[in-house]
């Protein structure tokens, strides 16, 4: 996600200064701010363009639904990106959320295999 120069004075960088982990950006936020807003697209307009139900797009934007491989293919075709971009965005977000939620417990509970 990019920042505009004018927004720098209003941006909170405290988590970078304190060393606290920056929360993972949900794929729906990337879709909204990097693709929909610059192209003046509503959820309804994008749904029509992708030929999917509007509830699918709204679910992604509202963080209630993951980007499926099929939706990734449709987004890639429409926005001239790759499907891998959308799939990786979703997978990386899910992994970071799982790491934040369960990583320490897994490190305690699961011992690596020894040769």
PDB file of N, CA and C in Angstrom:
ATOM      1  N   UNK A   1       0.844  -1.161   0.000  1.00  0.00           N
ATOM      2  CA  UNK A   1       0.000   0.000   0.000  1.00  0.00           C
ATOM      3  C   UNK A   1       0.891   1.226   0.000  1.00  0.00           C
ATOM      4  N   UNK A   2       0.611   2.171  -0.831  1.00  0.00           N
ATOM      5  CA  UNK A   2       1.434   3.366  -0.937  1.00  0.00           C
ATOM      6  C   UNK A   2       0.828   4.508  -0.134  1.00  0.00           C
ATOM      7  N   UNK A   3       1.691   5.432   0.269  1.00  0.00           N
ATOM      8  CA  UNK A   3       1.258   6.625   0.992  1.00  0.00           C
ATOM      9  C   UNK A   3       1.457   7.844   0.116  1.00  0.00           C
ATOM     10  N   UNK A   4       0.532   8.754   0.203  1.00  0.00           N
ATOM     11  CA  UNK A   4       0.688  10.024  -0.489  1.00  0.00           C
ATOM     12  C   UNK A   4       1.505  10.953   0.394  1.00  0.00           C
ATOM     13  N   UNK A   5       2.315  11.763  -0.220  1.00  0.00           N
ATOM     14  CA  UNK A   5       3.173  12.685   0.518  1.00  0.00           C
ATOM     15  C   UNK A   5       2.355  13.553   1.475  1.00  0.00           C
ATOM     16  N   UNK A   6       1.194  13.997   1.041  1.00  0.00           N
ATOM     17  CA  UNK A   6       0.343  14.855   1.875  1.00  0.00           C
ATOM     18  C   UNK A   6      -0.180  14.122   3.112  1.00  0.00           C
ATOM     19  N   UNK A   7      -0.234  12.798   3.056  1.00  0.00           N
ATOM     20  CA  UNK A   7      -0.755  12.016   4.175  1.00  0.00           C
ATOM     21  C   UNK A   7       0.305  11.686   5.223  1.00  0.00           C
ATOM     22  N   UNK A   8       1.562  11.924   4.936  1.00  0.00           N
ATOM     23  CA  UNK A   8       2.633  11.537   5.854  1.00  0.00           C
ATOM     24  C   UNK A   8       2.493  12.193   7.221  1.00  0.00           C
ATOM     25  N   UNK A   9       2.120  13.464   7.259  1.00  0.00           N
ATOM     26  CA  UNK A   9       2.023  14.162   8.545  1.00  0.00           C
ATOM     27  C   UNK A   9       0.872  13.624   9.394  1.00  0.00           C
ATOM     28  N   UNK A  10      -0.096  12.970   8.785  1.00  0.00           N
ATOM     29  CA  UNK A  10      -1.251  12.435   9.512  1.00  0.00           C
ATOM     30  C   UNK A  10      -1.152  10.924   9.727  1.00  0.00           C
ATOM     31  N   UNK A  11      -0.054  10.322   9.342  1.00  0.00           N
ATOM     32  CA  UNK A  11       0.098   8.872   9.440  1.00  0.00           C
ATOM     33  C   UNK A  11       0.778   8.507  10.751  1.00  0.00           C
ATOM     34  N   UNK A  12       0.235   7.496  11.420  1.00  0.00           N
ATOM     35  CA  UNK A  12       0.781   7.029  12.688  1.00  0.00           C
ATOM     36  C   UNK A  12       1.841   5.959  12.424  1.00  0.00           C
ATOM     37  N   UNK A  13       3.090   6.305  12.715  1.00  0.00           N
ATOM     38  CA  UNK A  13       4.200   5.368  12.541  1.00  0.00           C
ATOM     39  C   UNK A  13       4.666   4.797  13.882  1.00  0.00           C
ATOM     40  N   UNK A  14       3.862   4.952  14.934  1.00  0.00           N
ATOM     41  CA  UNK A  14       4.295   4.550  16.271  1.00  0.00           C
ATOM     42  C   UNK A  14       4.628   3.065  16.363  1.00  0.00           C
ATOM     43  N   UNK A  15       3.926   2.225  15.627  1.00  0.00           N
ATOM     44  CA  UNK A  15       4.225   0.793  15.704  1.00  0.00           C
ATOM     45  C   UNK A  15       5.602   0.480  15.133  1.00  0.00           C
ATOM     46  N   UNK A  16       6.070   1.287  14.200  1.00  0.00           N
ATOM     47  CA  UNK A  16       7.406   1.082  13.650  1.00  0.00           C
ATOM     48  C   UNK A  16       8.471   1.515  14.646  1.00  0.00           C
ATOM     49  N   UNK A  17       8.173   2.557  15.406  1.00  0.00           N
ATOM     50  CA  UNK A  17       9.123   3.075  16.386  1.00  0.00           C
ATOM     51  C   UNK A  17       9.225   2.139  17.575  1.00  0.00           C
ATOM     52  N   UNK A  18       8.098   1.591  18.021  1.00  0.00           N
ATOM     53  CA  UNK A  18       8.090   0.731  19.199  1.00  0.00           C
ATOM     54  C   UNK A  18       8.521  -0.694  18.892  1.00  0.00           C
ATOM     55  N   UNK A  19       8.516  -1.066  17.640  1.00  0.00           N
ATOM     56  CA  UNK A  19       8.867  -2.427  17.268  1.00  0.00           C
ATOM     57  C   UNK A  19       7.687  -3.376  17.303  1.00  0.00           C
ATOM     58  N   UNK A  20       6.488  -2.855  17.602  1.00  0.00           N
ATOM     59  CA  UNK A  20       5.295  -3.699  17.592  1.00  0.00           C
ATOM     60  C   UNK A  20       5.028  -4.178  16.171  1.00  0.00           C
ATOM     61  N   UNK A  21       4.485  -5.362  16.072  1.00  0.00           N
ATOM     62  CA  UNK A  21       4.182  -5.919  14.754  1.00  0.00           C
ATOM     63  C   UNK A  21       3.090  -5.100  14.072  1.00  0.00           C
ATOM     64  N   UNK A  22       3.284  -4.845  12.812  1.00  0.00           N
ATOM     65  CA  UNK A  22       2.268  -4.161  12.020  1.00  0.00           C
ATOM     66  C   UNK A  22       1.243  -5.212  11.614  1.00  0.00           C
ATOM     67  N   UNK A  23      -0.041  -4.963  11.884  1.00  0.00           N
ATOM     68  CA  UNK A  23      -1.033  -5.979  11.527  1.00  0.00           C
ATOM     69  C   UNK A  23      -1.073  -6.222  10.024  1.00  0.00           C
ATOM     70  N   UNK A  24      -1.338  -7.454   9.622  1.00  0.00           N
ATOM     71  CA  UNK A  24      -1.382  -7.758   8.191  1.00  0.00           C
ATOM     72  C   UNK A  24      -2.533  -7.019   7.506  1.00  0.00           C
ATOM     73  N   UNK A  25      -2.278  -6.570   6.302  1.00  0.00           N
ATOM     74  CA  UNK A  25      -3.307  -5.874   5.534  1.00  0.00           C
ATOM     75  C   UNK A  25      -4.241  -6.897   4.899  1.00  0.00           C
ATOM     76  N   UNK A  26      -5.525  -6.809   5.189  1.00  0.00           N
ATOM     77  CA  UNK A  26      -6.467  -7.746   4.572  1.00  0.00           C
ATOM     78  C   UNK A  26      -6.526  -7.558   3.059  1.00  0.00           C
ATOM     79  N   UNK A  27      -6.654  -8.639   2.309  1.00  0.00           N
ATOM     80  CA  UNK A  27      -6.732  -8.534   0.854  1.00  0.00           C
ATOM     81  C   UNK A  27      -7.856  -7.619   0.375  1.00  0.00           C
ATOM     82  N   UNK A  28      -8.959  -7.589   1.100  1.00  0.00           N
ATOM     83  CA  UNK A  28     -10.058  -6.707   0.725  1.00  0.00           C
ATOM     84  C   UNK A  28      -9.679  -5.240   0.794  1.00  0.00           C
ATOM     85  N   UNK A  29      -8.800  -4.887   1.740  1.00  0.00           N
ATOM     86  CA  UNK A  29      -8.325  -3.502   1.831  1.00  0.00           C
ATOM     87  C   UNK A  29      -7.472  -3.147   0.619  1.00  0.00           C
ATOM     88  N   UNK A  30      -6.643  -4.087   0.191  1.00  0.00           N
ATOM     89  CA  UNK A  30      -5.825  -3.859  -1.008  1.00  0.00           C
ATOM     90  C   UNK A  30      -6.733  -3.702  -2.220  1.00  0.00           C
ATOM     91  N   UNK A  31      -7.698  -4.588  -2.346  1.00  0.00           N
ATOM     92  CA  UNK A  31      -8.646  -4.504  -3.455  1.00  0.00           C
ATOM     93  C   UNK A  31      -9.340  -3.149  -3.467  1.00  0.00           C
ATOM     94  N   UNK A  32      -9.812  -2.720  -2.320  1.00  0.00           N
ATOM     95  CA  UNK A  32     -10.545  -1.461  -2.239  1.00  0.00           C
ATOM     96  C   UNK A  32      -9.660  -0.259  -2.537  1.00  0.00           C
ATOM     97  N   UNK A  33      -8.562  -0.130  -1.783  1.00  0.00           N
ATOM     98  CA  UNK A  33      -7.760   1.099  -1.841  1.00  0.00           C
ATOM     99  C   UNK A  33      -6.814   1.178  -3.031  1.00  0.00           C
ATOM    100  N   UNK A  34      -6.343   0.037  -3.505  1.00  0.00           N
ATOM    101  CA  UNK A  34      -5.378   0.057  -4.607  1.00  0.00           C
ATOM    102  C   UNK A  34      -6.010  -0.151  -5.983  1.00  0.00           C
ATOM    103  N   UNK A  35      -7.212  -0.713  -6.008  1.00  0.00           N
ATOM    104  CA  UNK A  35      -7.821  -1.033  -7.300  1.00  0.00           C
ATOM    105  C   UNK A  35      -9.195  -0.396  -7.499  1.00  0.00           C
ATOM    106  N   UNK A  36     -10.053  -0.482  -6.507  1.00  0.00           N
ATOM    107  CA  UNK A  36     -11.411   0.026  -6.697  1.00  0.00           C
ATOM    108  C   UNK A  36     -11.496   1.544  -6.597  1.00  0.00           C
ATOM    109  N   UNK A  37     -10.953   2.113  -5.532  1.00  0.00           N
ATOM    110  CA  UNK A  37     -11.030   3.575  -5.352  1.00  0.00           C
ATOM    111  C   UNK A  37     -10.367   4.318  -6.509  1.00  0.00           C
ATOM    112  N   UNK A  38      -9.136   3.959  -6.911  1.00  0.00           N
ATOM    113  CA  UNK A  38      -8.522   4.688  -8.028  1.00  0.00           C
ATOM    114  C   UNK A  38      -9.315   4.595  -9.335  1.00  0.00           C
ATOM    115  N   UNK A  39     -10.100   3.540  -9.478  1.00  0.00           N
ATOM    116  CA  UNK A  39     -10.895   3.354 -10.695  1.00  0.00           C
ATOM    117  C   UNK A  39     -12.367   3.711 -10.502  1.00  0.00           C
ATOM    118  N   UNK A  40     -12.672   4.329  -9.352  1.00  0.00           N
ATOM    119  CA  UNK A  40     -14.041   4.765  -9.031  1.00  0.00           C
ATOM    120  C   UNK A  40     -15.054   3.630  -9.191  1.00  0.00           C
ATOM    121  N   UNK A  41     -14.693   2.464  -8.659  1.00  0.00           N
ATOM    122  CA  UNK A  41     -15.560   1.287  -8.759  1.00  0.00           C
ATOM    123  C   UNK A  41     -16.277   1.023  -7.441  1.00  0.00           C
ATOM    124  N   UNK A  42     -17.549   0.801  -7.504  1.00  0.00           N
ATOM    125  CA  UNK A  42     -18.304   0.339  -6.344  1.00  0.00           C
ATOM    126  C   UNK A  42     -18.253  -1.190  -6.318  1.00  0.00           C
ATOM    127  N   UNK A  43     -18.678  -1.757  -5.195  1.00  0.00           N
ATOM    128  CA  UNK A  43     -18.745  -3.218  -5.110  1.00  0.00           C
ATOM    129  C   UNK A  43     -19.694  -3.763  -6.171  1.00  0.00           C
ATOM    130  N   UNK A  44     -20.794  -3.074  -6.373  1.00  0.00           N
ATOM    131  CA  UNK A  44     -21.763  -3.511  -7.376  1.00  0.00           C
ATOM    132  C   UNK A  44     -21.208  -3.468  -8.783  1.00  0.00           C
ATOM    133  N   UNK A  45     -20.498  -2.385  -9.098  1.00  0.00           N
ATOM    134  CA  UNK A  45     -19.921  -2.256 -10.441  1.00  0.00           C
ATOM    135  C   UNK A  45     -18.863  -3.325 -10.685  1.00  0.00           C
ATOM    136  N   UNK A  46     -18.032  -3.597  -9.669  1.00  0.00           N
ATOM    137  CA  UNK A  46     -17.009  -4.631  -9.831  1.00  0.00           C
ATOM    138  C   UNK A  46     -17.660  -6.001  -9.979  1.00  0.00           C
ATOM    139  N   UNK A  47     -18.695  -6.253  -9.194  1.00  0.00           N
ATOM    140  CA  UNK A  47     -19.391  -7.539  -9.289  1.00  0.00           C
ATOM    141  C   UNK A  47     -19.970  -7.753 -10.687  1.00  0.00           C
ATOM    142  N   UNK A  48     -20.553  -6.712 -11.247  1.00  0.00           N
ATOM    143  CA  UNK A  48     -21.105  -6.818 -12.605  1.00  0.00           C
ATOM    144  C   UNK A  48     -19.985  -7.100 -13.601  1.00  0.00           C
ATOM    145  N   UNK A  49     -18.869  -6.376 -13.466  1.00  0.00           N
ATOM    146  CA  UNK A  49     -17.748  -6.557 -14.395  1.00  0.00           C
ATOM    147  C   UNK A  49     -17.158  -7.962 -14.303  1.00  0.00           C
ATOM    148  N   UNK A  50     -17.108  -8.512 -13.090  1.00  0.00           N
ATOM    149  CA  UNK A  50     -16.540  -9.850 -12.893  1.00  0.00           C
ATOM    150  C   UNK A  50     -17.567 -10.959 -13.104  1.00  0.00           C
ATOM    151  N   UNK A  51     -18.834 -10.572 -13.217  1.00  0.00           N
ATOM    152  CA  UNK A  51     -19.940 -11.530 -13.346  1.00  0.00           C
ATOM    153  C   UNK A  51     -20.009 -12.473 -12.146  1.00  0.00           C
ATOM    154  N   UNK A  52     -19.985 -11.841 -10.960  1.00  0.00           N
ATOM    155  CA  UNK A  52     -20.126 -12.572  -9.700  1.00  0.00           C
ATOM    156  C   UNK A  52     -21.193 -11.864  -8.863  1.00  0.00           C
ATOM    157  N   UNK A  53     -21.727 -12.530  -7.852  1.00  0.00           N
ATOM    158  CA  UNK A  53     -22.694 -11.861  -6.977  1.00  0.00           C
ATOM    159  C   UNK A  53     -22.026 -10.722  -6.200  1.00  0.00           C
ATOM    160  N   UNK A  54     -22.751  -9.650  -5.996  1.00  0.00           N
ATOM    161  CA  UNK A  54     -22.201  -8.516  -5.253  1.00  0.00           C
ATOM    162  C   UNK A  54     -21.832  -8.928  -3.830  1.00  0.00           C
ATOM    163  N   UNK A  55     -22.538  -9.912  -3.280  1.00  0.00           N
ATOM    164  CA  UNK A  55     -22.223 -10.372  -1.925  1.00  0.00           C
ATOM    165  C   UNK A  55     -20.821 -10.970  -1.841  1.00  0.00           C
ATOM    166  N   UNK A  56     -20.320 -11.503  -2.943  1.00  0.00           N
ATOM    167  CA  UNK A  56     -18.952 -12.032  -2.954  1.00  0.00           C
ATOM    168  C   UNK A  56     -17.949 -10.895  -2.774  1.00  0.00           C
ATOM    169  N   UNK A  57     -18.130  -9.823  -3.527  1.00  0.00           N
ATOM    170  CA  UNK A  57     -17.219  -8.680  -3.425  1.00  0.00           C
ATOM    171  C   UNK A  57     -17.358  -8.025  -2.057  1.00  0.00           C
ATOM    172  N   UNK A  58     -18.578  -7.829  -1.598  1.00  0.00           N
ATOM    173  CA  UNK A  58     -18.796  -7.217  -0.284  1.00  0.00           C
ATOM    174  C   UNK A  58     -18.175  -8.066   0.819  1.00  0.00           C
ATOM    175  N   UNK A  59     -18.293  -9.379   0.718  1.00  0.00           N
ATOM    176  CA  UNK A  59     -17.692 -10.262   1.714  1.00  0.00           C
ATOM    177  C   UNK A  59     -16.184 -10.111   1.783  1.00  0.00           C
ATOM    178  N   UNK A  60     -15.548  -9.961   0.628  1.00  0.00           N
ATOM    179  CA  UNK A  60     -14.093  -9.741   0.588  1.00  0.00           C
ATOM    180  C   UNK A  60     -13.756  -8.390   1.207  1.00  0.00           C
ATOM    181  N   UNK A  61     -14.506  -7.362   0.842  1.00  0.00           N
ATOM    182  CA  UNK A  61     -14.242  -6.015   1.354  1.00  0.00           C
ATOM    183  C   UNK A  61     -14.506  -5.907   2.849  1.00  0.00           C
ATOM    184  N   UNK A  62     -15.503  -6.633   3.338  1.00  0.00           N
ATOM    185  CA  UNK A  62     -15.864  -6.582   4.757  1.00  0.00           C
ATOM    186  C   UNK A  62     -15.094  -7.600   5.597  1.00  0.00           C
ATOM    187  N   UNK A  63     -14.102  -8.248   5.006  1.00  0.00           N
ATOM    188  CA  UNK A  63     -13.240  -9.213   5.702  1.00  0.00           C
ATOM    189  C   UNK A  63     -14.008 -10.434   6.199  1.00  0.00           C
ATOM    190  N   UNK A  64     -15.066 -10.775   5.501  1.00  0.00           N
ATOM    191  CA  UNK A  64     -15.870 -11.937   5.865  1.00  0.00           C
ATOM    192  C   UNK A  64     -15.631 -13.113   4.931  1.00  0.00           C
ATOM    193  N   UNK A  65     -14.913 -12.885   3.846  1.00  0.00           N
ATOM    194  CA  UNK A  65     -14.734 -13.918   2.832  1.00  0.00           C
ATOM    195  C   UNK A  65     -13.330 -13.807   2.248  1.00  0.00           C
ATOM    196  N   UNK A  66     -12.730 -14.948   1.985  1.00  0.00           N
ATOM    197  CA  UNK A  66     -11.409 -14.976   1.351  1.00  0.00           C
ATOM    198  C   UNK A  66     -11.555 -14.850  -0.166  1.00  0.00           C
ATOM    199  N   UNK A  67     -10.476 -14.462  -0.804  1.00  0.00           N
ATOM    200  CA  UNK A  67     -10.441 -14.430  -2.268  1.00  0.00           C
ATOM    201  C   UNK A  67     -10.178 -15.856  -2.743  1.00  0.00           C
ATOM    202  N   UNK A  68     -11.152 -16.449  -3.394  1.00  0.00           N
ATOM    203  CA  UNK A  68     -11.024 -17.821  -3.892  1.00  0.00           C
ATOM    204  C   UNK A  68     -10.172 -17.835  -5.156  1.00  0.00           C
ATOM    205  N   UNK A  69      -9.652 -18.993  -5.543  1.00  0.00           N
ATOM    206  CA  UNK A  69      -8.906 -19.067  -6.802  1.00  0.00           C
ATOM    207  C   UNK A  69      -9.721 -18.590  -8.006  1.00  0.00           C
ATOM    208  N   UNK A  70     -11.014 -18.910  -8.044  1.00  0.00           N
ATOM    209  CA  UNK A  70     -11.841 -18.447  -9.159  1.00  0.00           C
ATOM    210  C   UNK A  70     -11.950 -16.923  -9.165  1.00  0.00           C
ATOM    211  N   UNK A  71     -12.174 -16.346  -7.992  1.00  0.00           N
ATOM    212  CA  UNK A  71     -12.255 -14.883  -7.913  1.00  0.00           C
ATOM    213  C   UNK A  71     -10.913 -14.268  -8.265  1.00  0.00           C
ATOM    214  N   UNK A  72      -9.824 -14.914  -7.867  1.00  0.00           N
ATOM    215  CA  UNK A  72      -8.485 -14.425  -8.224  1.00  0.00           C
ATOM    216  C   UNK A  72      -8.312 -14.379  -9.737  1.00  0.00           C
ATOM    217  N   UNK A  73      -8.787 -15.399 -10.424  1.00  0.00           N
ATOM    218  CA  UNK A  73      -8.708 -15.407 -11.892  1.00  0.00           C
ATOM    219  C   UNK A  73      -9.512 -14.256 -12.495  1.00  0.00           C
ATOM    220  N   UNK A  74     -10.676 -14.008 -11.944  1.00  0.00           N
ATOM    221  CA  UNK A  74     -11.521 -12.931 -12.452  1.00  0.00           C
ATOM    222  C   UNK A  74     -10.901 -11.557 -12.169  1.00  0.00           C
ATOM    223  N   UNK A  75     -10.393 -11.363 -10.959  1.00  0.00           N
ATOM    224  CA  UNK A  75      -9.741 -10.095 -10.619  1.00  0.00           C
ATOM    225  C   UNK A  75      -8.511  -9.871 -11.491  1.00  0.00           C
ATOM    226  N   UNK A  76      -7.751 -10.931 -11.704  1.00  0.00           N
ATOM    227  CA  UNK A  76      -6.544 -10.829 -12.532  1.00  0.00           C
ATOM    228  C   UNK A  76      -6.887 -10.417 -13.953  1.00  0.00           C
ATOM    229  N   UNK A  77      -7.892 -11.024 -14.506  1.00  0.00           N
ATOM    230  CA  UNK A  77      -8.307 -10.688 -15.874  1.00  0.00           C
ATOM    231  C   UNK A  77      -8.771  -9.237 -15.955  1.00  0.00           C
ATOM    232  N   UNK A  78      -9.579  -8.820 -15.000  1.00  0.00           N
ATOM    233  CA  UNK A  78     -10.162  -7.481 -15.041  1.00  0.00           C
ATOM    234  C   UNK A  78      -9.116  -6.390 -14.799  1.00  0.00           C
ATOM    235  N   UNK A  79      -8.259  -6.582 -13.799  1.00  0.00           N
ATOM    236  CA  UNK A  79      -7.293  -5.546 -13.430  1.00  0.00           C
ATOM    237  C   UNK A  79      -5.929  -5.724 -14.099  1.00  0.00           C
ATOM    238  N   UNK A  80      -5.807  -6.685 -15.016  1.00  0.00           N
ATOM    239  CA  UNK A  80      -4.543  -6.932 -15.729  1.00  0.00           C
ATOM    240  C   UNK A  80      -3.398  -7.218 -14.756  1.00  0.00           C
ATOM    241  N   UNK A  81      -3.685  -8.071 -13.789  1.00  0.00           N
ATOM    242  CA  UNK A  81      -2.667  -8.546 -12.855  1.00  0.00           C
ATOM    243  C   UNK A  81      -2.544 -10.048 -13.078  1.00  0.00           C
ATOM    244  N   UNK A  82      -1.916 -10.729 -12.147  1.00  0.00           N
ATOM    245  CA  UNK A  82      -1.872 -12.191 -12.226  1.00  0.00           C
ATOM    246  C   UNK A  82      -2.782 -12.769 -11.151  1.00  0.00           C
ATOM    247  N   UNK A  83      -3.294 -13.948 -11.410  1.00  0.00           N
ATOM    248  CA  UNK A  83      -4.091 -14.636 -10.394  1.00  0.00           C
ATOM    249  C   UNK A  83      -3.221 -14.957  -9.184  1.00  0.00           C
ATOM    250  N   UNK A  84      -1.948 -15.221  -9.445  1.00  0.00           N
ATOM    251  CA  UNK A  84      -1.016 -15.517  -8.349  1.00  0.00           C
ATOM    252  C   UNK A  84      -0.903 -14.344  -7.382  1.00  0.00           C
ATOM    253  N   UNK A  85      -0.965 -13.127  -7.896  1.00  0.00           N
ATOM    254  CA  UNK A  85      -0.923 -11.944  -7.029  1.00  0.00           C
ATOM    255  C   UNK A  85      -2.029 -12.019  -5.980  1.00  0.00           C
ATOM    256  N   UNK A  86      -3.251 -12.293  -6.422  1.00  0.00           N
ATOM    257  CA  UNK A  86      -4.396 -12.322  -5.518  1.00  0.00           C
ATOM    258  C   UNK A  86      -4.345 -13.527  -4.585  1.00  0.00           C
ATOM    259  N   UNK A  87      -3.935 -14.684  -5.111  1.00  0.00           N
ATOM    260  CA  UNK A  87      -3.841 -15.889  -4.280  1.00  0.00           C
ATOM    261  C   UNK A  87      -2.758 -15.715  -3.219  1.00  0.00           C
ATOM    262  N   UNK A  88      -1.618 -15.169  -3.602  1.00  0.00           N
ATOM    263  CA  UNK A  88      -0.530 -14.944  -2.636  1.00  0.00           C
ATOM    264  C   UNK A  88      -0.926 -13.908  -1.594  1.00  0.00           C
ATOM    265  N   UNK A  89      -1.615 -12.875  -2.022  1.00  0.00           N
ATOM    266  CA  UNK A  89      -2.089 -11.857  -1.090  1.00  0.00           C
ATOM    267  C   UNK A  89      -2.972 -12.498  -0.024  1.00  0.00           C
ATOM    268  N   UNK A  90      -3.879 -13.343  -0.450  1.00  0.00           N
ATOM    269  CA  UNK A  90      -4.774 -14.040   0.482  1.00  0.00           C
ATOM    270  C   UNK A  90      -3.997 -15.002   1.374  1.00  0.00           C
ATOM    271  N   UNK A  91      -3.109 -15.796   0.780  1.00  0.00           N
ATOM    272  CA  UNK A  91      -2.348 -16.784   1.556  1.00  0.00           C
ATOM    273  C   UNK A  91      -1.421 -16.109   2.561  1.00  0.00           C
ATOM    274  N   UNK A  92      -0.742 -15.051   2.150  1.00  0.00           N
ATOM    275  CA  UNK A  92       0.158 -14.337   3.059  1.00  0.00           C
ATOM    276  C   UNK A  92      -0.608 -13.721   4.216  1.00  0.00           C
ATOM    277  N   UNK A  93      -1.773 -13.170   3.938  1.00  0.00           N
ATOM    278  CA  UNK A  93      -2.589 -12.596   5.004  1.00  0.00           C
ATOM    279  C   UNK A  93      -3.019 -13.684   5.988  1.00  0.00           C
ATOM    280  N   UNK A  94      -3.516 -14.796   5.480  1.00  0.00           N
ATOM    281  CA  UNK A  94      -3.962 -15.891   6.346  1.00  0.00           C
ATOM    282  C   UNK A  94      -2.812 -16.432   7.194  1.00  0.00           C
ATOM    283  N   UNK A  95      -1.638 -16.549   6.596  1.00  0.00           N
ATOM    284  CA  UNK A  95      -0.479 -17.054   7.326  1.00  0.00           C
ATOM    285  C   UNK A  95      -0.048 -16.093   8.431  1.00  0.00           C
ATOM    286  N   UNK A  96      -0.037 -14.789   8.141  1.00  0.00           N
ATOM    287  CA  UNK A  96       0.346 -13.797   9.156  1.00  0.00           C
ATOM    288  C   UNK A  96      -0.665 -13.757  10.293  1.00  0.00           C
ATOM    289  N   UNK A  97      -1.938 -13.890   9.984  1.00  0.00           N
ATOM    290  CA  UNK A  97      -2.959 -13.925  11.029  1.00  0.00           C
ATOM    291  C   UNK A  97      -2.770 -15.170  11.895  1.00  0.00           C
ATOM    292  N   UNK A  98      -2.532 -16.316  11.268  1.00  0.00           N
ATOM    293  CA  UNK A  98      -2.313 -17.558  12.013  1.00  0.00           C
ATOM    294  C   UNK A  98      -1.055 -17.470  12.871  1.00  0.00           C
ATOM    295  N   UNK A  99       0.004 -16.879  12.334  1.00  0.00           N
ATOM    296  CA  UNK A  99       1.247 -16.725  13.090  1.00  0.00           C
ATOM    297  C   UNK A  99       1.015 -15.862  14.326  1.00  0.00           C
ATOM    298  N   UNK A 100       0.295 -14.763  14.162  1.00  0.00           N
ATOM    299  CA  UNK A 100       0.019 -13.878  15.289  1.00  0.00           C
ATOM    300  C   UNK A 100      -0.862 -14.564  16.329  1.00  0.00           C
ATOM    301  N   UNK A 101      -1.785 -15.355  15.864  1.00  0.00           N
ATOM    302  CA  UNK A 101      -2.746 -16.019  16.746  1.00  0.00           C
ATOM    303  C   UNK A 101      -2.155 -17.252  17.433  1.00  0.00           C
ATOM    304  N   UNK A 102      -1.471 -18.077  16.673  1.00  0.00           N
ATOM    305  CA  UNK A 102      -1.114 -19.419  17.148  1.00  0.00           C
ATOM    306  C   UNK A 102       0.375 -19.730  17.135  1.00  0.00           C
ATOM    307  N   UNK A 103       1.187 -18.859  16.570  1.00  0.00           N
ATOM    308  CA  UNK A 103       2.602 -19.165  16.375  1.00  0.00           C
ATOM    309  C   UNK A 103       3.337 -19.541  17.645  1.00  0.00           C
ATOM    310  N   UNK A 104       3.146 -18.771  18.717  1.00  0.00           N
ATOM    311  CA  UNK A 104       3.850 -19.052  19.976  1.00  0.00           C
ATOM    312  C   UNK A 104       3.419 -20.386  20.565  1.00  0.00           C
ATOM    313  N   UNK A 105       2.131 -20.661  20.537  1.00  0.00           N
ATOM    314  CA  UNK A 105       1.630 -21.930  21.075  1.00  0.00           C
ATOM    315  C   UNK A 105       2.164 -23.109  20.273  1.00  0.00           C
ATOM    316  N   UNK A 106       2.220 -22.968  18.968  1.00  0.00           N
ATOM    317  CA  UNK A 106       2.748 -24.042  18.122  1.00  0.00           C
ATOM    318  C   UNK A 106       4.227 -24.256  18.411  1.00  0.00           C
ATOM    319  N   UNK A 107       4.974 -23.165  18.584  1.00  0.00           N
ATOM    320  CA  UNK A 107       6.395 -23.291  18.917  1.00  0.00           C
ATOM    321  C   UNK A 107       6.589 -24.042  20.232  1.00  0.00           C
ATOM    322  N   UNK A 108       5.691 -23.831  21.200  1.00  0.00           N
ATOM    323  CA  UNK A 108       5.782 -24.537  22.480  1.00  0.00           C
ATOM    324  C   UNK A 108       5.349 -25.994  22.355  1.00  0.00           C
ATOM    325  N   UNK A 109       4.299 -26.233  21.576  1.00  0.00           N
ATOM    326  CA  UNK A 109       3.680 -27.559  21.529  1.00  0.00           C
ATOM    327  C   UNK A 109       4.339 -28.545  20.579  1.00  0.00           C
ATOM    328  N   UNK A 110       4.934 -28.063  19.517  1.00  0.00           N
ATOM    329  CA  UNK A 110       5.453 -28.947  18.468  1.00  0.00           C
ATOM    330  C   UNK A 110       6.976 -28.874  18.461  1.00  0.00           C
ATOM    331  N   UNK A 111       7.595 -30.023  18.630  1.00  0.00           N
ATOM    332  CA  UNK A 111       9.052 -30.098  18.616  1.00  0.00           C
ATOM    333  C   UNK A 111       9.523 -30.562  17.243  1.00  0.00           C
ATOM    334  N   UNK A 112      10.554 -29.920  16.700  1.00  0.00           N
ATOM    335  CA  UNK A 112      11.064 -30.332  15.387  1.00  0.00           C
ATOM    336  C   UNK A 112      11.602 -31.766  15.433  1.00  0.00           C
ATOM    337  N   UNK A 113      11.530 -32.433  14.311  1.00  0.00           N
ATOM    338  CA  UNK A 113      12.051 -33.793  14.189  1.00  0.00           C
ATOM    339  C   UNK A 113      13.576 -33.755  14.310  1.00  0.00           C
ATOM    340  N   UNK A 114      14.116 -34.771  14.944  1.00  0.00           N
ATOM    341  CA  UNK A 114      15.573 -34.865  15.048  1.00  0.00           C
ATOM    342  C   UNK A 114      16.042 -36.059  14.233  1.00  0.00           C
ATOM    343  N   UNK A 115      17.215 -35.915  13.656  1.00  0.00           N
ATOM    344  CA  UNK A 115      17.726 -36.978  12.781  1.00  0.00           C
ATOM    345  C   UNK A 115      18.292 -38.122  13.569  1.00  0.00           C
TER     346      UNK A 115
END
